[in-house]
Amino acid sequence: MFNIGFAELILVLLIAFLVVGPKDLPKVARWLGRCVKKARQLIREVKQEIGWEELTEETQSVRRDIDQTIKDSDISADLRSASKEFSKSINEAKKNVAKKP
């Protein structure tokens, strides 16, 4: 969530230990834990209230539809096959012209 490595975590804990002191550190840790829990619960409730999940699902659905439409409208494969057929026709015509004296 915060992209904190082990070394940074140890540094934060050491500073907290020095600032708060060993006696009050467990109380502060419990208080912080409760605050984080309440914040996560609040965020979850807000997401439910505004319909975040439904919005993301709808957005992903629209994106899939757009991607499928782009794939369906891609004519490069058709152009390649038409180019190959055209090249074959030209080569056959050249051979026919070369055979006729």
N, C-alpha and C. Protein backbone atom coordinates (compact mmCIF):
# COMPACT_ATOMS: atom_id res chain seq x y z
N MET A 1 0.83 -1.19 0.00
CA MET A 1 0.00 0.00 0.00
C MET A 1 0.87 1.25 0.00
N PHE A 2 1.85 1.34 0.90
CA PHE A 2 2.71 2.51 0.97
C PHE A 2 4.06 2.27 0.32
N ASN A 3 4.31 1.04 -0.13
CA ASN A 3 5.56 0.68 -0.78
C ASN A 3 6.75 0.97 0.14
N ILE A 4 6.65 0.46 1.37
CA ILE A 4 7.71 0.65 2.36
C ILE A 4 8.47 -0.66 2.49
N GLY A 5 9.78 -0.58 2.37
CA GLY A 5 10.63 -1.76 2.52
C GLY A 5 10.90 -2.07 3.99
N PHE A 6 11.60 -3.19 4.19
CA PHE A 6 11.88 -3.63 5.55
C PHE A 6 12.76 -2.63 6.29
N ALA A 7 13.76 -2.09 5.61
CA ALA A 7 14.68 -1.14 6.25
C ALA A 7 13.95 0.13 6.68
N GLU A 8 13.06 0.62 5.81
CA GLU A 8 12.29 1.83 6.15
C GLU A 8 11.36 1.56 7.33
N LEU A 9 10.78 0.37 7.36
CA LEU A 9 9.88 0.02 8.46
C LEU A 9 10.63 -0.02 9.79
N ILE A 10 11.82 -0.60 9.79
CA ILE A 10 12.64 -0.65 11.00
C ILE A 10 12.99 0.78 11.45
N LEU A 11 13.32 1.64 10.49
CA LEU A 11 13.65 3.02 10.82
C LEU A 11 12.46 3.75 11.44
N VAL A 12 11.27 3.56 10.89
CA VAL A 12 10.06 4.19 11.43
C VAL A 12 9.78 3.67 12.84
N LEU A 13 9.90 2.37 13.03
CA LEU A 13 9.67 1.80 14.36
C LEU A 13 10.69 2.31 15.37
N LEU A 14 11.93 2.46 14.95
CA LEU A 14 12.97 2.98 15.86
C LEU A 14 12.67 4.42 16.25
N ILE A 15 12.27 5.23 15.29
CA ILE A 15 11.94 6.63 15.59
C ILE A 15 10.71 6.69 16.51
N ALA A 16 9.71 5.86 16.24
CA ALA A 16 8.52 5.82 17.10
C ALA A 16 8.91 5.40 18.52
N PHE A 17 9.81 4.44 18.62
CA PHE A 17 10.27 3.98 19.93
C PHE A 17 10.96 5.11 20.68
N LEU A 18 11.75 5.91 19.98
CA LEU A 18 12.46 7.01 20.63
C LEU A 18 11.51 8.16 20.99
N VAL A 19 10.56 8.45 20.12
CA VAL A 19 9.66 9.58 20.36
C VAL A 19 8.63 9.24 21.44
N VAL A 20 7.98 8.08 21.31
CA VAL A 20 6.89 7.72 22.23
C VAL A 20 7.42 7.10 23.51
N GLY A 21 8.45 6.30 23.38
CA GLY A 21 8.99 5.63 24.56
C GLY A 21 8.47 4.22 24.64
N PRO A 22 9.21 3.35 25.31
CA PRO A 22 8.83 1.93 25.36
C PRO A 22 7.55 1.67 26.16
N LYS A 23 7.24 2.54 27.09
CA LYS A 23 6.07 2.32 27.94
C LYS A 23 4.77 2.56 27.16
N ASP A 24 4.71 3.62 26.37
CA ASP A 24 3.49 3.98 25.67
C ASP A 24 3.41 3.44 24.24
N LEU A 25 4.46 2.80 23.77
CA LEU A 25 4.46 2.32 22.38
C LEU A 25 3.34 1.32 22.09
N PRO A 26 3.04 0.35 22.96
CA PRO A 26 1.92 -0.55 22.67
C PRO A 26 0.57 0.17 22.58
N LYS A 27 0.37 1.17 23.44
CA LYS A 27 -0.88 1.93 23.39
C LYS A 27 -1.01 2.68 22.06
N VAL A 28 0.08 3.30 21.64
CA VAL A 28 0.07 4.04 20.38
C VAL A 28 -0.14 3.09 19.21
N ALA A 29 0.47 1.92 19.27
CA ALA A 29 0.32 0.93 18.19
C ALA A 29 -1.14 0.47 18.09
N ARG A 30 -1.78 0.22 19.24
CA ARG A 30 -3.20 -0.17 19.22
C ARG A 30 -4.07 0.94 18.68
N TRP A 31 -3.79 2.17 19.09
CA TRP A 31 -4.55 3.32 18.61
C TRP A 31 -4.40 3.46 17.09
N LEU A 32 -3.18 3.34 16.60
CA LEU A 32 -2.95 3.42 15.15
C LEU A 32 -3.67 2.29 14.41
N GLY A 33 -3.64 1.10 14.99
CA GLY A 33 -4.34 -0.04 14.38
C GLY A 33 -5.84 0.22 14.27
N ARG A 34 -6.43 0.77 15.34
CA ARG A 34 -7.85 1.09 15.30
C ARG A 34 -8.16 2.17 14.26
N CYS A 35 -7.29 3.17 14.19
CA CYS A 35 -7.49 4.24 13.20
C CYS A 35 -7.42 3.71 11.77
N VAL A 36 -6.46 2.84 11.51
CA VAL A 36 -6.34 2.26 10.18
C VAL A 36 -7.57 1.42 9.85
N LYS A 37 -8.03 0.65 10.83
CA LYS A 37 -9.22 -0.19 10.62
C LYS A 37 -10.43 0.68 10.31
N LYS A 38 -10.61 1.76 11.06
CA LYS A 38 -11.74 2.66 10.82
C LYS A 38 -11.63 3.33 9.46
N ALA A 39 -10.42 3.72 9.08
CA ALA A 39 -10.22 4.36 7.77
C ALA A 39 -10.54 3.39 6.64
N ARG A 40 -10.11 2.15 6.76
CA ARG A 40 -10.42 1.15 5.72
C ARG A 40 -11.92 0.90 5.64
N GLN A 41 -12.57 0.83 6.78
CA GLN A 41 -14.02 0.62 6.81
C GLN A 41 -14.73 1.81 6.17
N LEU A 42 -14.28 3.01 6.46
CA LEU A 42 -14.88 4.21 5.88
C LEU A 42 -14.71 4.21 4.36
N ILE A 43 -13.53 3.88 3.89
CA ILE A 43 -13.28 3.82 2.45
C ILE A 43 -14.16 2.77 1.79
N ARG A 44 -14.29 1.61 2.42
CA ARG A 44 -15.15 0.55 1.89
C ARG A 44 -16.60 1.02 1.79
N GLU A 45 -17.08 1.71 2.84
CA GLU A 45 -18.46 2.21 2.83
C GLU A 45 -18.67 3.25 1.74
N VAL A 46 -17.69 4.14 1.58
CA VAL A 46 -17.81 5.17 0.55
C VAL A 46 -17.83 4.53 -0.83
N LYS A 47 -16.99 3.53 -1.06
CA LYS A 47 -16.98 2.83 -2.35
C LYS A 47 -18.33 2.17 -2.61
N GLN A 48 -18.91 1.55 -1.59
CA GLN A 48 -20.22 0.92 -1.76
C GLN A 48 -21.29 1.96 -2.04
N GLU A 49 -21.21 3.08 -1.35
CA GLU A 49 -22.21 4.12 -1.49
C GLU A 49 -22.21 4.74 -2.88
N ILE A 50 -21.03 4.97 -3.43
CA ILE A 50 -20.98 5.60 -4.75
C ILE A 50 -21.01 4.58 -5.87
N GLY A 51 -21.00 3.30 -5.55
CA GLY A 51 -21.07 2.26 -6.57
C GLY A 51 -19.77 2.07 -7.32
N TRP A 52 -18.66 2.13 -6.62
CA TRP A 52 -17.35 2.03 -7.24
C TRP A 52 -17.17 0.71 -7.97
N GLU A 53 -17.60 -0.39 -7.35
CA GLU A 53 -17.42 -1.70 -7.96
C GLU A 53 -18.20 -1.79 -9.27
N GLU A 54 -19.44 -1.30 -9.24
CA GLU A 54 -20.26 -1.34 -10.45
C GLU A 54 -19.64 -0.48 -11.54
N LEU A 55 -19.10 0.66 -11.15
CA LEU A 55 -18.48 1.56 -12.11
C LEU A 55 -17.26 0.92 -12.75
N THR A 56 -16.42 0.27 -11.95
CA THR A 56 -15.23 -0.37 -12.50
C THR A 56 -15.61 -1.55 -13.39
N GLU A 57 -16.62 -2.33 -13.00
CA GLU A 57 -17.06 -3.44 -13.84
C GLU A 57 -17.61 -2.93 -15.17
N GLU A 58 -18.38 -1.86 -15.13
CA GLU A 58 -18.94 -1.29 -16.35
C GLU A 58 -17.82 -0.74 -17.24
N THR A 59 -16.85 -0.10 -16.64
CA THR A 59 -15.72 0.44 -17.40
C THR A 59 -14.93 -0.68 -18.06
N GLN A 60 -14.70 -1.75 -17.34
CA GLN A 60 -13.98 -2.89 -17.91
C GLN A 60 -14.77 -3.53 -19.04
N SER A 61 -16.08 -3.60 -18.88
CA SER A 61 -16.93 -4.16 -19.93
C SER A 61 -16.86 -3.31 -21.19
N VAL A 62 -16.91 -2.00 -21.03
CA VAL A 62 -16.81 -1.10 -22.18
C VAL A 62 -15.45 -1.25 -22.84
N ARG A 63 -14.42 -1.38 -22.04
CA ARG A 63 -13.07 -1.55 -22.60
C ARG A 63 -12.96 -2.84 -23.39
N ARG A 64 -13.53 -3.93 -22.86
CA ARG A 64 -13.52 -5.19 -23.60
C ARG A 64 -14.27 -5.06 -24.92
N ASP A 65 -15.41 -4.37 -24.90
CA ASP A 65 -16.18 -4.17 -26.12
C ASP A 65 -15.38 -3.36 -27.14
N ILE A 66 -14.70 -2.34 -26.69
CA ILE A 66 -13.90 -1.51 -27.60
C ILE A 66 -12.75 -2.33 -28.18
N ASP A 67 -12.08 -3.11 -27.33
CA ASP A 67 -10.98 -3.95 -27.82
C ASP A 67 -11.48 -4.95 -28.87
N GLN A 68 -12.64 -5.54 -28.61
CA GLN A 68 -13.20 -6.50 -29.57
C GLN A 68 -13.57 -5.81 -30.87
N THR A 69 -14.12 -4.61 -30.79
CA THR A 69 -14.47 -3.85 -31.99
C THR A 69 -13.23 -3.51 -32.80
N ILE A 70 -12.15 -3.15 -32.11
CA ILE A 70 -10.90 -2.85 -32.80
C ILE A 70 -10.37 -4.10 -33.50
N LYS A 71 -10.43 -5.24 -32.82
CA LYS A 71 -9.97 -6.49 -33.44
C LYS A 71 -10.83 -6.84 -34.65
N ASP A 72 -12.14 -6.64 -34.52
CA ASP A 72 -13.04 -6.97 -35.63
C ASP A 72 -12.85 -6.05 -36.82
N SER A 73 -12.49 -4.81 -36.57
CA SER A 73 -12.35 -3.84 -37.65
C SER A 73 -10.95 -3.82 -38.26
N ASP A 74 -10.06 -4.66 -37.77
CA ASP A 74 -8.70 -4.72 -38.29
C ASP A 74 -8.72 -5.43 -39.65
N ILE A 75 -8.36 -4.70 -40.69
CA ILE A 75 -8.41 -5.28 -42.04
C ILE A 75 -7.03 -5.60 -42.58
N SER A 76 -6.02 -5.52 -41.75
CA SER A 76 -4.65 -5.76 -42.22
C SER A 76 -4.48 -7.20 -42.72
N ALA A 77 -5.10 -8.17 -42.06
CA ALA A 77 -5.00 -9.55 -42.52
C ALA A 77 -5.65 -9.71 -43.89
N ASP A 78 -6.80 -9.09 -44.09
CA ASP A 78 -7.46 -9.15 -45.39
C ASP A 78 -6.61 -8.49 -46.47
N LEU A 79 -5.98 -7.36 -46.12
CA LEU A 79 -5.12 -6.68 -47.09
C LEU A 79 -3.90 -7.53 -47.44
N ARG A 80 -3.33 -8.21 -46.47
CA ARG A 80 -2.18 -9.07 -46.73
C ARG A 80 -2.56 -10.21 -47.67
N SER A 81 -3.69 -10.85 -47.40
CA SER A 81 -4.10 -11.95 -48.28
C SER A 81 -4.43 -11.44 -49.68
N ALA A 82 -5.05 -10.28 -49.79
CA ALA A 82 -5.34 -9.72 -51.10
C ALA A 82 -4.05 -9.36 -51.82
N SER A 83 -3.07 -8.87 -51.11
CA SER A 83 -1.78 -8.54 -51.71
C SER A 83 -1.09 -9.79 -52.22
N LYS A 84 -1.15 -10.88 -51.46
CA LYS A 84 -0.54 -12.14 -51.90
C LYS A 84 -1.23 -12.66 -53.15
N GLU A 85 -2.55 -12.61 -53.16
CA GLU A 85 -3.29 -13.06 -54.34
C GLU A 85 -2.96 -12.20 -55.55
N PHE A 86 -2.84 -10.91 -55.37
CA PHE A 86 -2.51 -9.99 -56.45
C PHE A 86 -1.11 -10.29 -56.98
N SER A 87 -0.17 -10.55 -56.06
CA SER A 87 1.20 -10.88 -56.48
C SER A 87 1.21 -12.18 -57.26
N LYS A 88 0.43 -13.17 -56.83
CA LYS A 88 0.35 -14.44 -57.55
C LYS A 88 -0.21 -14.21 -58.95
N SER A 89 -1.24 -13.40 -59.07
CA SER A 89 -1.85 -13.11 -60.37
C SER A 89 -0.85 -12.43 -61.30
N ILE A 90 -0.10 -11.48 -60.77
CA ILE A 90 0.89 -10.77 -61.58
C ILE A 90 1.99 -11.74 -62.04
N ASN A 91 2.44 -12.60 -61.12
CA ASN A 91 3.47 -13.57 -61.49
C ASN A 91 2.96 -14.54 -62.55
N GLU A 92 1.72 -14.99 -62.43
CA GLU A 92 1.15 -15.89 -63.44
C GLU A 92 1.03 -15.17 -64.77
N ALA A 93 0.63 -13.91 -64.74
CA ALA A 93 0.52 -13.14 -65.98
C ALA A 93 1.88 -12.98 -66.62
N LYS A 94 2.91 -12.72 -65.83
CA LYS A 94 4.28 -12.58 -66.36
C LYS A 94 4.72 -13.89 -67.00
N LYS A 95 4.42 -15.01 -66.34
CA LYS A 95 4.79 -16.32 -66.90
C LYS A 95 4.07 -16.56 -68.22
N ASN A 96 2.79 -16.22 -68.29
CA ASN A 96 2.03 -16.41 -69.52
C ASN A 96 2.58 -15.54 -70.65
N VAL A 97 2.96 -14.32 -70.34
CA VAL A 97 3.52 -13.43 -71.33
C VAL A 97 4.88 -13.94 -71.81
N ALA A 98 5.67 -14.45 -70.88
CA ALA A 98 6.99 -14.97 -71.21
C ALA A 98 6.88 -16.23 -72.07
N LYS A 99 5.85 -17.06 -71.90
CA LYS A 99 5.67 -18.29 -72.67
C LYS A 99 5.24 -18.00 -74.10
N LYS A 100 4.45 -16.98 -74.30
CA LYS A 100 3.96 -16.65 -75.64
C LYS A 100 5.04 -15.92 -76.42
N PRO A 101 5.39 -16.43 -77.63
CA PRO A 101 6.44 -15.78 -78.40
C PRO A 101 5.93 -14.57 -79.16
